[in-house]
Amino acid sequence: MDVADFRALILDHRLLALFDFWQQMRGHRAMPDWSDLKPEFFAAALPHIWVWQTDSAGEVRLRIIGESVMQMMELNLKGKTPYDLYGPDQAALLAERLKRVMYDPAANFAIGEVQSGNQLVGLGQRIGLPYLDRRTGRLGVIGGSVMDKRLKSDPHGSMAIYSLASAENYLPLP
């Protein structure tokens, strides 16, 4: 898949704005530096943003979470690891996806049904893009999630957070 094919998958204008700015900032590098990512240039996407970064132990943790994502997920997610948020199988998939985006490196995009536990709650899109914080030497993933929430999740359900059921699309980066 090339950049044009990957970009064509992104239907949401807010995620597209994030991708286009990230692409511009990375230039010919595999990924931009964290300091290159100026929020004012993708302001429409900010409520939908999430940022994962490796900590000093190499664990991936949520560093920043946009207000829309916080409301959508119905939990305070900041500082959490995938294993704090999901069951072991789902957490392992998320950790693997984040590591692939950071270490291969690759951009990631998915679109499909959003579920809470086994309950369909809407349709969504998600993008994940690698960055390097050259100041700390830590890798991370900046991304965004949007959802057309059609159904209310069961407040008594065992899972208060959502997952996107979809094939993952990857754009290998130089």
C-alpha atoms as a PDB file:
ATOM      1  CA  MET A   1       0.000   0.000   0.000  1.00  0.00           C
ATOM      2  CA  ASP A   2       1.325   3.464  -0.827  1.00  0.00           C
ATOM      3  CA  VAL A   3       0.575   6.814   0.838  1.00  0.00           C
ATOM      4  CA  ALA A   4      -2.191   7.737  -1.640  1.00  0.00           C
ATOM      5  CA  ASP A   5      -3.975   4.394  -1.144  1.00  0.00           C
ATOM      6  CA  PHE A   6      -3.663   4.684   2.640  1.00  0.00           C
ATOM      7  CA  ARG A   7      -4.934   8.288   2.624  1.00  0.00           C
ATOM      8  CA  ALA A   8      -7.931   7.276   0.498  1.00  0.00           C
ATOM      9  CA  LEU A   9      -9.076   4.922   3.278  1.00  0.00           C
ATOM     10  CA  ILE A  10      -9.528   7.799   5.745  1.00  0.00           C
ATOM     11  CA  LEU A  11     -13.101   9.074   5.438  1.00  0.00           C
ATOM     12  CA  ASP A  12     -13.334  11.355   8.472  1.00  0.00           C
ATOM     13  CA  HIS A  13     -12.085  14.902   7.793  1.00  0.00           C
ATOM     14  CA  ARG A  14     -10.673  15.279  11.329  1.00  0.00           C
ATOM     15  CA  LEU A  15      -8.546  12.144  11.067  1.00  0.00           C
ATOM     16  CA  LEU A  16      -7.535  13.166   7.565  1.00  0.00           C
ATOM     17  CA  ALA A  17      -6.355  16.563   8.890  1.00  0.00           C
ATOM     18  CA  LEU A  18      -4.235  14.784  11.490  1.00  0.00           C
ATOM     19  CA  PHE A  19      -2.765  12.421   8.890  1.00  0.00           C
ATOM     20  CA  ASP A  20      -1.990  15.215   6.420  1.00  0.00           C
ATOM     21  CA  PHE A  21      -0.257  17.336   9.068  1.00  0.00           C
ATOM     22  CA  TRP A  22       1.683  14.329  10.427  1.00  0.00           C
ATOM     23  CA  GLN A  23       2.726  13.452   6.865  1.00  0.00           C
ATOM     24  CA  GLN A  24       3.906  17.006   6.234  1.00  0.00           C
ATOM     25  CA  MET A  25       5.887  17.121   9.500  1.00  0.00           C
ATOM     26  CA  ARG A  26       7.616  13.786   8.961  1.00  0.00           C
ATOM     27  CA  GLY A  27       8.788  14.785   5.488  1.00  0.00           C
ATOM     28  CA  HIS A  28      11.266  12.137   4.317  1.00  0.00           C
ATOM     29  CA  ARG A  29      11.759  10.717   7.820  1.00  0.00           C
ATOM     30  CA  ALA A  30       9.961   7.623   9.045  1.00  0.00           C
ATOM     31  CA  MET A  31       8.254   9.692  11.730  1.00  0.00           C
ATOM     32  CA  PRO A  32       8.187  13.251  13.026  1.00  0.00           C
ATOM     33  CA  ASP A  33       9.592  14.420  16.327  1.00  0.00           C
ATOM     34  CA  TRP A  34       7.072  15.028  19.105  1.00  0.00           C
ATOM     35  CA  SER A  35       8.035  18.726  19.053  1.00  0.00           C
ATOM     36  CA  ASP A  36       6.957  18.917  15.375  1.00  0.00           C
ATOM     37  CA  LEU A  37       3.353  18.039  16.208  1.00  0.00           C
ATOM     38  CA  LYS A  38       1.728  21.431  16.710  1.00  0.00           C
ATOM     39  CA  PRO A  39      -1.900  20.980  17.836  1.00  0.00           C
ATOM     40  CA  GLU A  40      -3.068  24.232  16.262  1.00  0.00           C
ATOM     41  CA  PHE A  41      -2.537  22.659  12.825  1.00  0.00           C
ATOM     42  CA  PHE A  42      -4.953  19.782  13.472  1.00  0.00           C
ATOM     43  CA  ALA A  43      -7.302  21.554  15.892  1.00  0.00           C
ATOM     44  CA  ALA A  44     -10.465  19.918  14.531  1.00  0.00           C
ATOM     45  CA  ALA A  45      -9.049  16.520  15.501  1.00  0.00           C
ATOM     46  CA  LEU A  46      -7.970  17.445  19.054  1.00  0.00           C
ATOM     47  CA  PRO A  47     -11.089  16.192  20.878  1.00  0.00           C
ATOM     48  CA  HIS A  48     -10.613  12.828  19.136  1.00  0.00           C
ATOM     49  CA  ILE A  49      -6.859  12.476  19.762  1.00  0.00           C
ATOM     50  CA  TRP A  50      -5.046   9.932  21.879  1.00  0.00           C
ATOM     51  CA  VAL A  51      -1.315   9.618  22.425  1.00  0.00           C
ATOM     52  CA  TRP A  52       0.495   6.502  23.635  1.00  0.00           C
ATOM     53  CA  GLN A  53       4.152   6.702  24.645  1.00  0.00           C
ATOM     54  CA  THR A  54       6.653   4.276  26.078  1.00  0.00           C
ATOM     55  CA  ASP A  55       7.561   4.980  29.692  1.00  0.00           C
ATOM     56  CA  SER A  56      10.981   4.582  31.329  1.00  0.00           C
ATOM     57  CA  ALA A  57      10.369   0.825  31.704  1.00  0.00           C
ATOM     58  CA  GLY A  58       9.415   0.459  28.026  1.00  0.00           C
ATOM     59  CA  GLU A  59       5.706   0.005  28.861  1.00  0.00           C
ATOM     60  CA  VAL A  60       3.196   1.728  26.570  1.00  0.00           C
ATOM     61  CA  ARG A  61       0.944   4.190  28.417  1.00  0.00           C
ATOM     62  CA  LEU A  62      -1.697   6.704  27.417  1.00  0.00           C
ATOM     63  CA  ARG A  63      -0.114  10.136  27.665  1.00  0.00           C
ATOM     64  CA  ILE A  64      -2.893  12.344  26.256  1.00  0.00           C
ATOM     65  CA  ILE A  65      -6.560  11.646  25.644  1.00  0.00           C
ATOM     66  CA  GLY A  66      -9.009  13.969  23.851  1.00  0.00           C
ATOM     67  CA  GLU A  67     -12.271  14.989  25.431  1.00  0.00           C
ATOM     68  CA  SER A  68     -14.474  13.195  22.877  1.00  0.00           C
ATOM     69  CA  VAL A  69     -12.538   9.960  23.374  1.00  0.00           C
ATOM     70  CA  MET A  70     -12.819  10.323  27.160  1.00  0.00           C
ATOM     71  CA  GLN A  71     -16.602  10.808  26.841  1.00  0.00           C
ATOM     72  CA  MET A  72     -16.916   7.972  24.332  1.00  0.00           C
ATOM     73  CA  MET A  73     -14.983   5.544  26.503  1.00  0.00           C
ATOM     74  CA  GLU A  74     -16.711   6.665  29.703  1.00  0.00           C
ATOM     75  CA  LEU A  75     -13.498   6.179  31.733  1.00  0.00           C
ATOM     76  CA  ASN A  76     -10.438   8.200  32.759  1.00  0.00           C
ATOM     77  CA  LEU A  77      -7.786   6.581  30.571  1.00  0.00           C
ATOM     78  CA  LYS A  78      -4.733   8.800  31.072  1.00  0.00           C
ATOM     79  CA  GLY A  79      -1.664   6.934  32.306  1.00  0.00           C
ATOM     80  CA  LYS A  80      -3.209   3.517  31.660  1.00  0.00           C
ATOM     81  CA  THR A  81      -1.575   0.622  29.806  1.00  0.00           C
ATOM     82  CA  PRO A  82      -3.477  -1.603  27.361  1.00  0.00           C
ATOM     83  CA  TYR A  83      -3.617  -4.229  30.141  1.00  0.00           C
ATOM     84  CA  ASP A  84      -5.258  -1.729  32.523  1.00  0.00           C
ATOM     85  CA  LEU A  85      -8.049  -1.160  30.009  1.00  0.00           C
ATOM     86  CA  TYR A  86      -8.768  -4.440  28.257  1.00  0.00           C
ATOM     87  CA  GLY A  87      -8.878  -8.137  28.969  1.00  0.00           C
ATOM     88  CA  PRO A  88      -5.654 -10.069  28.254  1.00  0.00           C
ATOM     89  CA  ASP A  89      -6.466 -11.021  24.635  1.00  0.00           C
ATOM     90  CA  GLN A  90      -7.642  -7.562  23.546  1.00  0.00           C
ATOM     91  CA  ALA A  91      -4.787  -5.857  25.446  1.00  0.00           C
ATOM     92  CA  ALA A  92      -2.203  -8.066  23.748  1.00  0.00           C
ATOM     93  CA  LEU A  93      -3.641  -7.165  20.318  1.00  0.00           C
ATOM     94  CA  LEU A  94      -3.561  -3.449  21.128  1.00  0.00           C
ATOM     95  CA  ALA A  95      -0.016  -3.627  22.516  1.00  0.00           C
ATOM     96  CA  GLU A  96       1.111  -5.532  19.421  1.00  0.00           C
ATOM     97  CA  ARG A  97      -0.524  -2.968  17.109  1.00  0.00           C
ATOM     98  CA  LEU A  98       1.075  -0.036  18.970  1.00  0.00           C
ATOM     99  CA  LYS A  99       4.497  -1.668  18.924  1.00  0.00           C
ATOM    100  CA  ARG A 100       4.186  -2.417  15.204  1.00  0.00           C
ATOM    101  CA  VAL A 101       3.332   1.238  14.507  1.00  0.00           C
ATOM    102  CA  MET A 102       6.287   2.434  16.614  1.00  0.00           C
ATOM    103  CA  TYR A 103       8.978  -0.105  15.796  1.00  0.00           C
ATOM    104  CA  ASP A 104       8.357  -1.171  12.185  1.00  0.00           C
ATOM    105  CA  PRO A 105       7.453   1.804  11.790  1.00  0.00           C
ATOM    106  CA  ALA A 106       4.066   1.995  10.076  1.00  0.00           C
ATOM    107  CA  ALA A 107       0.906   4.080   9.994  1.00  0.00           C
ATOM    108  CA  ASN A 108      -2.261   2.205  10.948  1.00  0.00           C
ATOM    109  CA  PHE A 109      -5.906   2.729   9.984  1.00  0.00           C
ATOM    110  CA  ALA A 110      -9.093   0.801  10.682  1.00  0.00           C
ATOM    111  CA  ILE A 111     -12.771   1.397   9.993  1.00  0.00           C
ATOM    112  CA  GLY A 112     -15.642  -0.796  11.101  1.00  0.00           C
ATOM    113  CA  GLU A 113     -18.120  -1.740  13.793  1.00  0.00           C
ATOM    114  CA  VAL A 114     -17.555  -0.509  17.338  1.00  0.00           C
ATOM    115  CA  GLN A 115     -18.483  -2.862  20.140  1.00  0.00           C
ATOM    116  CA  SER A 116     -18.823  -2.665  23.892  1.00  0.00           C
ATOM    117  CA  GLY A 117     -18.275  -6.220  25.055  1.00  0.00           C
ATOM    118  CA  ASN A 118     -20.344  -8.181  22.537  1.00  0.00           C
ATOM    119  CA  GLN A 119     -22.791  -5.329  21.913  1.00  0.00           C
ATOM    120  CA  LEU A 120     -22.676  -3.277  18.692  1.00  0.00           C
ATOM    121  CA  VAL A 121     -22.779   0.433  19.579  1.00  0.00           C
ATOM    122  CA  GLY A 122     -21.845   2.170  16.322  1.00  0.00           C
ATOM    123  CA  LEU A 123     -19.413   2.575  13.459  1.00  0.00           C
ATOM    124  CA  GLY A 124     -15.964   4.053  13.854  1.00  0.00           C
ATOM    125  CA  GLN A 125     -12.590   4.913  12.396  1.00  0.00           C
ATOM    126  CA  ARG A 126      -9.166   4.892  14.049  1.00  0.00           C
ATOM    127  CA  ILE A 127      -5.731   6.064  12.905  1.00  0.00           C
ATOM    128  CA  GLY A 128      -2.354   5.547  14.588  1.00  0.00           C
ATOM    129  CA  LEU A 129       0.834   7.342  13.549  1.00  0.00           C
ATOM    130  CA  PRO A 130       4.332   6.931  15.031  1.00  0.00           C
ATOM    131  CA  TYR A 131       6.466   9.696  16.483  1.00  0.00           C
ATOM    132  CA  LEU A 132       9.767   9.949  18.310  1.00  0.00           C
ATOM    133  CA  ASP A 133      10.322  12.262  21.240  1.00  0.00           C
ATOM    134  CA  ARG A 134      13.974  13.014  20.510  1.00  0.00           C
ATOM    135  CA  ARG A 135      14.309  14.883  23.814  1.00  0.00           C
ATOM    136  CA  THR A 136      13.610  11.698  25.815  1.00  0.00           C
ATOM    137  CA  GLY A 137      14.379   9.078  23.151  1.00  0.00           C
ATOM    138  CA  ARG A 138      10.927   7.554  23.641  1.00  0.00           C
ATOM    139  CA  LEU A 139       8.725   6.301  20.834  1.00  0.00           C
ATOM    140  CA  GLY A 140       5.006   6.908  20.735  1.00  0.00           C
ATOM    141  CA  VAL A 141       1.844   6.770  18.687  1.00  0.00           C
ATOM    142  CA  ILE A 142      -0.409   9.741  18.077  1.00  0.00           C
ATOM    143  CA  GLY A 143      -3.794   8.867  16.733  1.00  0.00           C
ATOM    144  CA  GLY A 144      -7.458   9.547  16.759  1.00  0.00           C
ATOM    145  CA  SER A 145     -10.755   7.730  17.033  1.00  0.00           C
ATOM    146  CA  VAL A 146     -14.173   8.827  15.863  1.00  0.00           C
ATOM    147  CA  MET A 147     -17.450   7.005  16.253  1.00  0.00           C
ATOM    148  CA  ASP A 148     -21.000   7.362  15.036  1.00  0.00           C
ATOM    149  CA  LYS A 149     -22.621   6.049  18.225  1.00  0.00           C
ATOM    150  CA  ARG A 150     -25.958   4.564  17.238  1.00  0.00           C
ATOM    151  CA  LEU A 151     -26.826   2.599  20.335  1.00  0.00           C
ATOM    152  CA  LYS A 152     -26.286   3.162  24.035  1.00  0.00           C
ATOM    153  CA  SER A 153     -23.936   0.746  25.735  1.00  0.00           C
ATOM    154  CA  ASP A 154     -25.327  -1.393  28.555  1.00  0.00           C
ATOM    155  CA  PRO A 155     -24.432   0.448  31.797  1.00  0.00           C
ATOM    156  CA  HIS A 156     -24.418  -2.918  33.589  1.00  0.00           C
ATOM    157  CA  GLY A 157     -22.168  -4.559  30.997  1.00  0.00           C
ATOM    158  CA  SER A 158     -18.808  -5.967  31.964  1.00  0.00           C
ATOM    159  CA  MET A 159     -16.873  -3.675  29.599  1.00  0.00           C
ATOM    160  CA  ALA A 160     -17.229   0.102  29.736  1.00  0.00           C
ATOM    161  CA  ILE A 161     -14.756   0.738  26.905  1.00  0.00           C
ATOM    162  CA  TYR A 162     -15.097   0.121  23.201  1.00  0.00           C
ATOM    163  CA  SER A 163     -13.241  -1.885  20.617  1.00  0.00           C
ATOM    164  CA  LEU A 164     -13.238  -1.540  16.836  1.00  0.00           C
ATOM    165  CA  ALA A 165     -13.846  -4.787  14.940  1.00  0.00           C
ATOM    166  CA  SER A 166     -12.063  -4.373  11.637  1.00  0.00           C
ATOM    167  CA  ALA A 167      -9.159  -5.463   9.512  1.00  0.00           C
ATOM    168  CA  GLU A 168      -6.079  -3.354  10.208  1.00  0.00           C
ATOM    169  CA  ASN A 169      -4.498  -1.416   7.337  1.00  0.00           C
ATOM    170  CA  TYR A 170      -0.790  -0.619   7.589  1.00  0.00           C
ATOM    171  CA  LEU A 171       1.361   1.792   5.616  1.00  0.00           C
ATOM    172  CA  PRO A 172       5.033   0.762   5.933  1.00  0.00           C
ATOM    173  CA  LEU A 173       7.285   3.785   6.429  1.00  0.00           C
ATOM    174  CA  PRO A 174      10.860   4.251   5.191  1.00  0.00           C
END
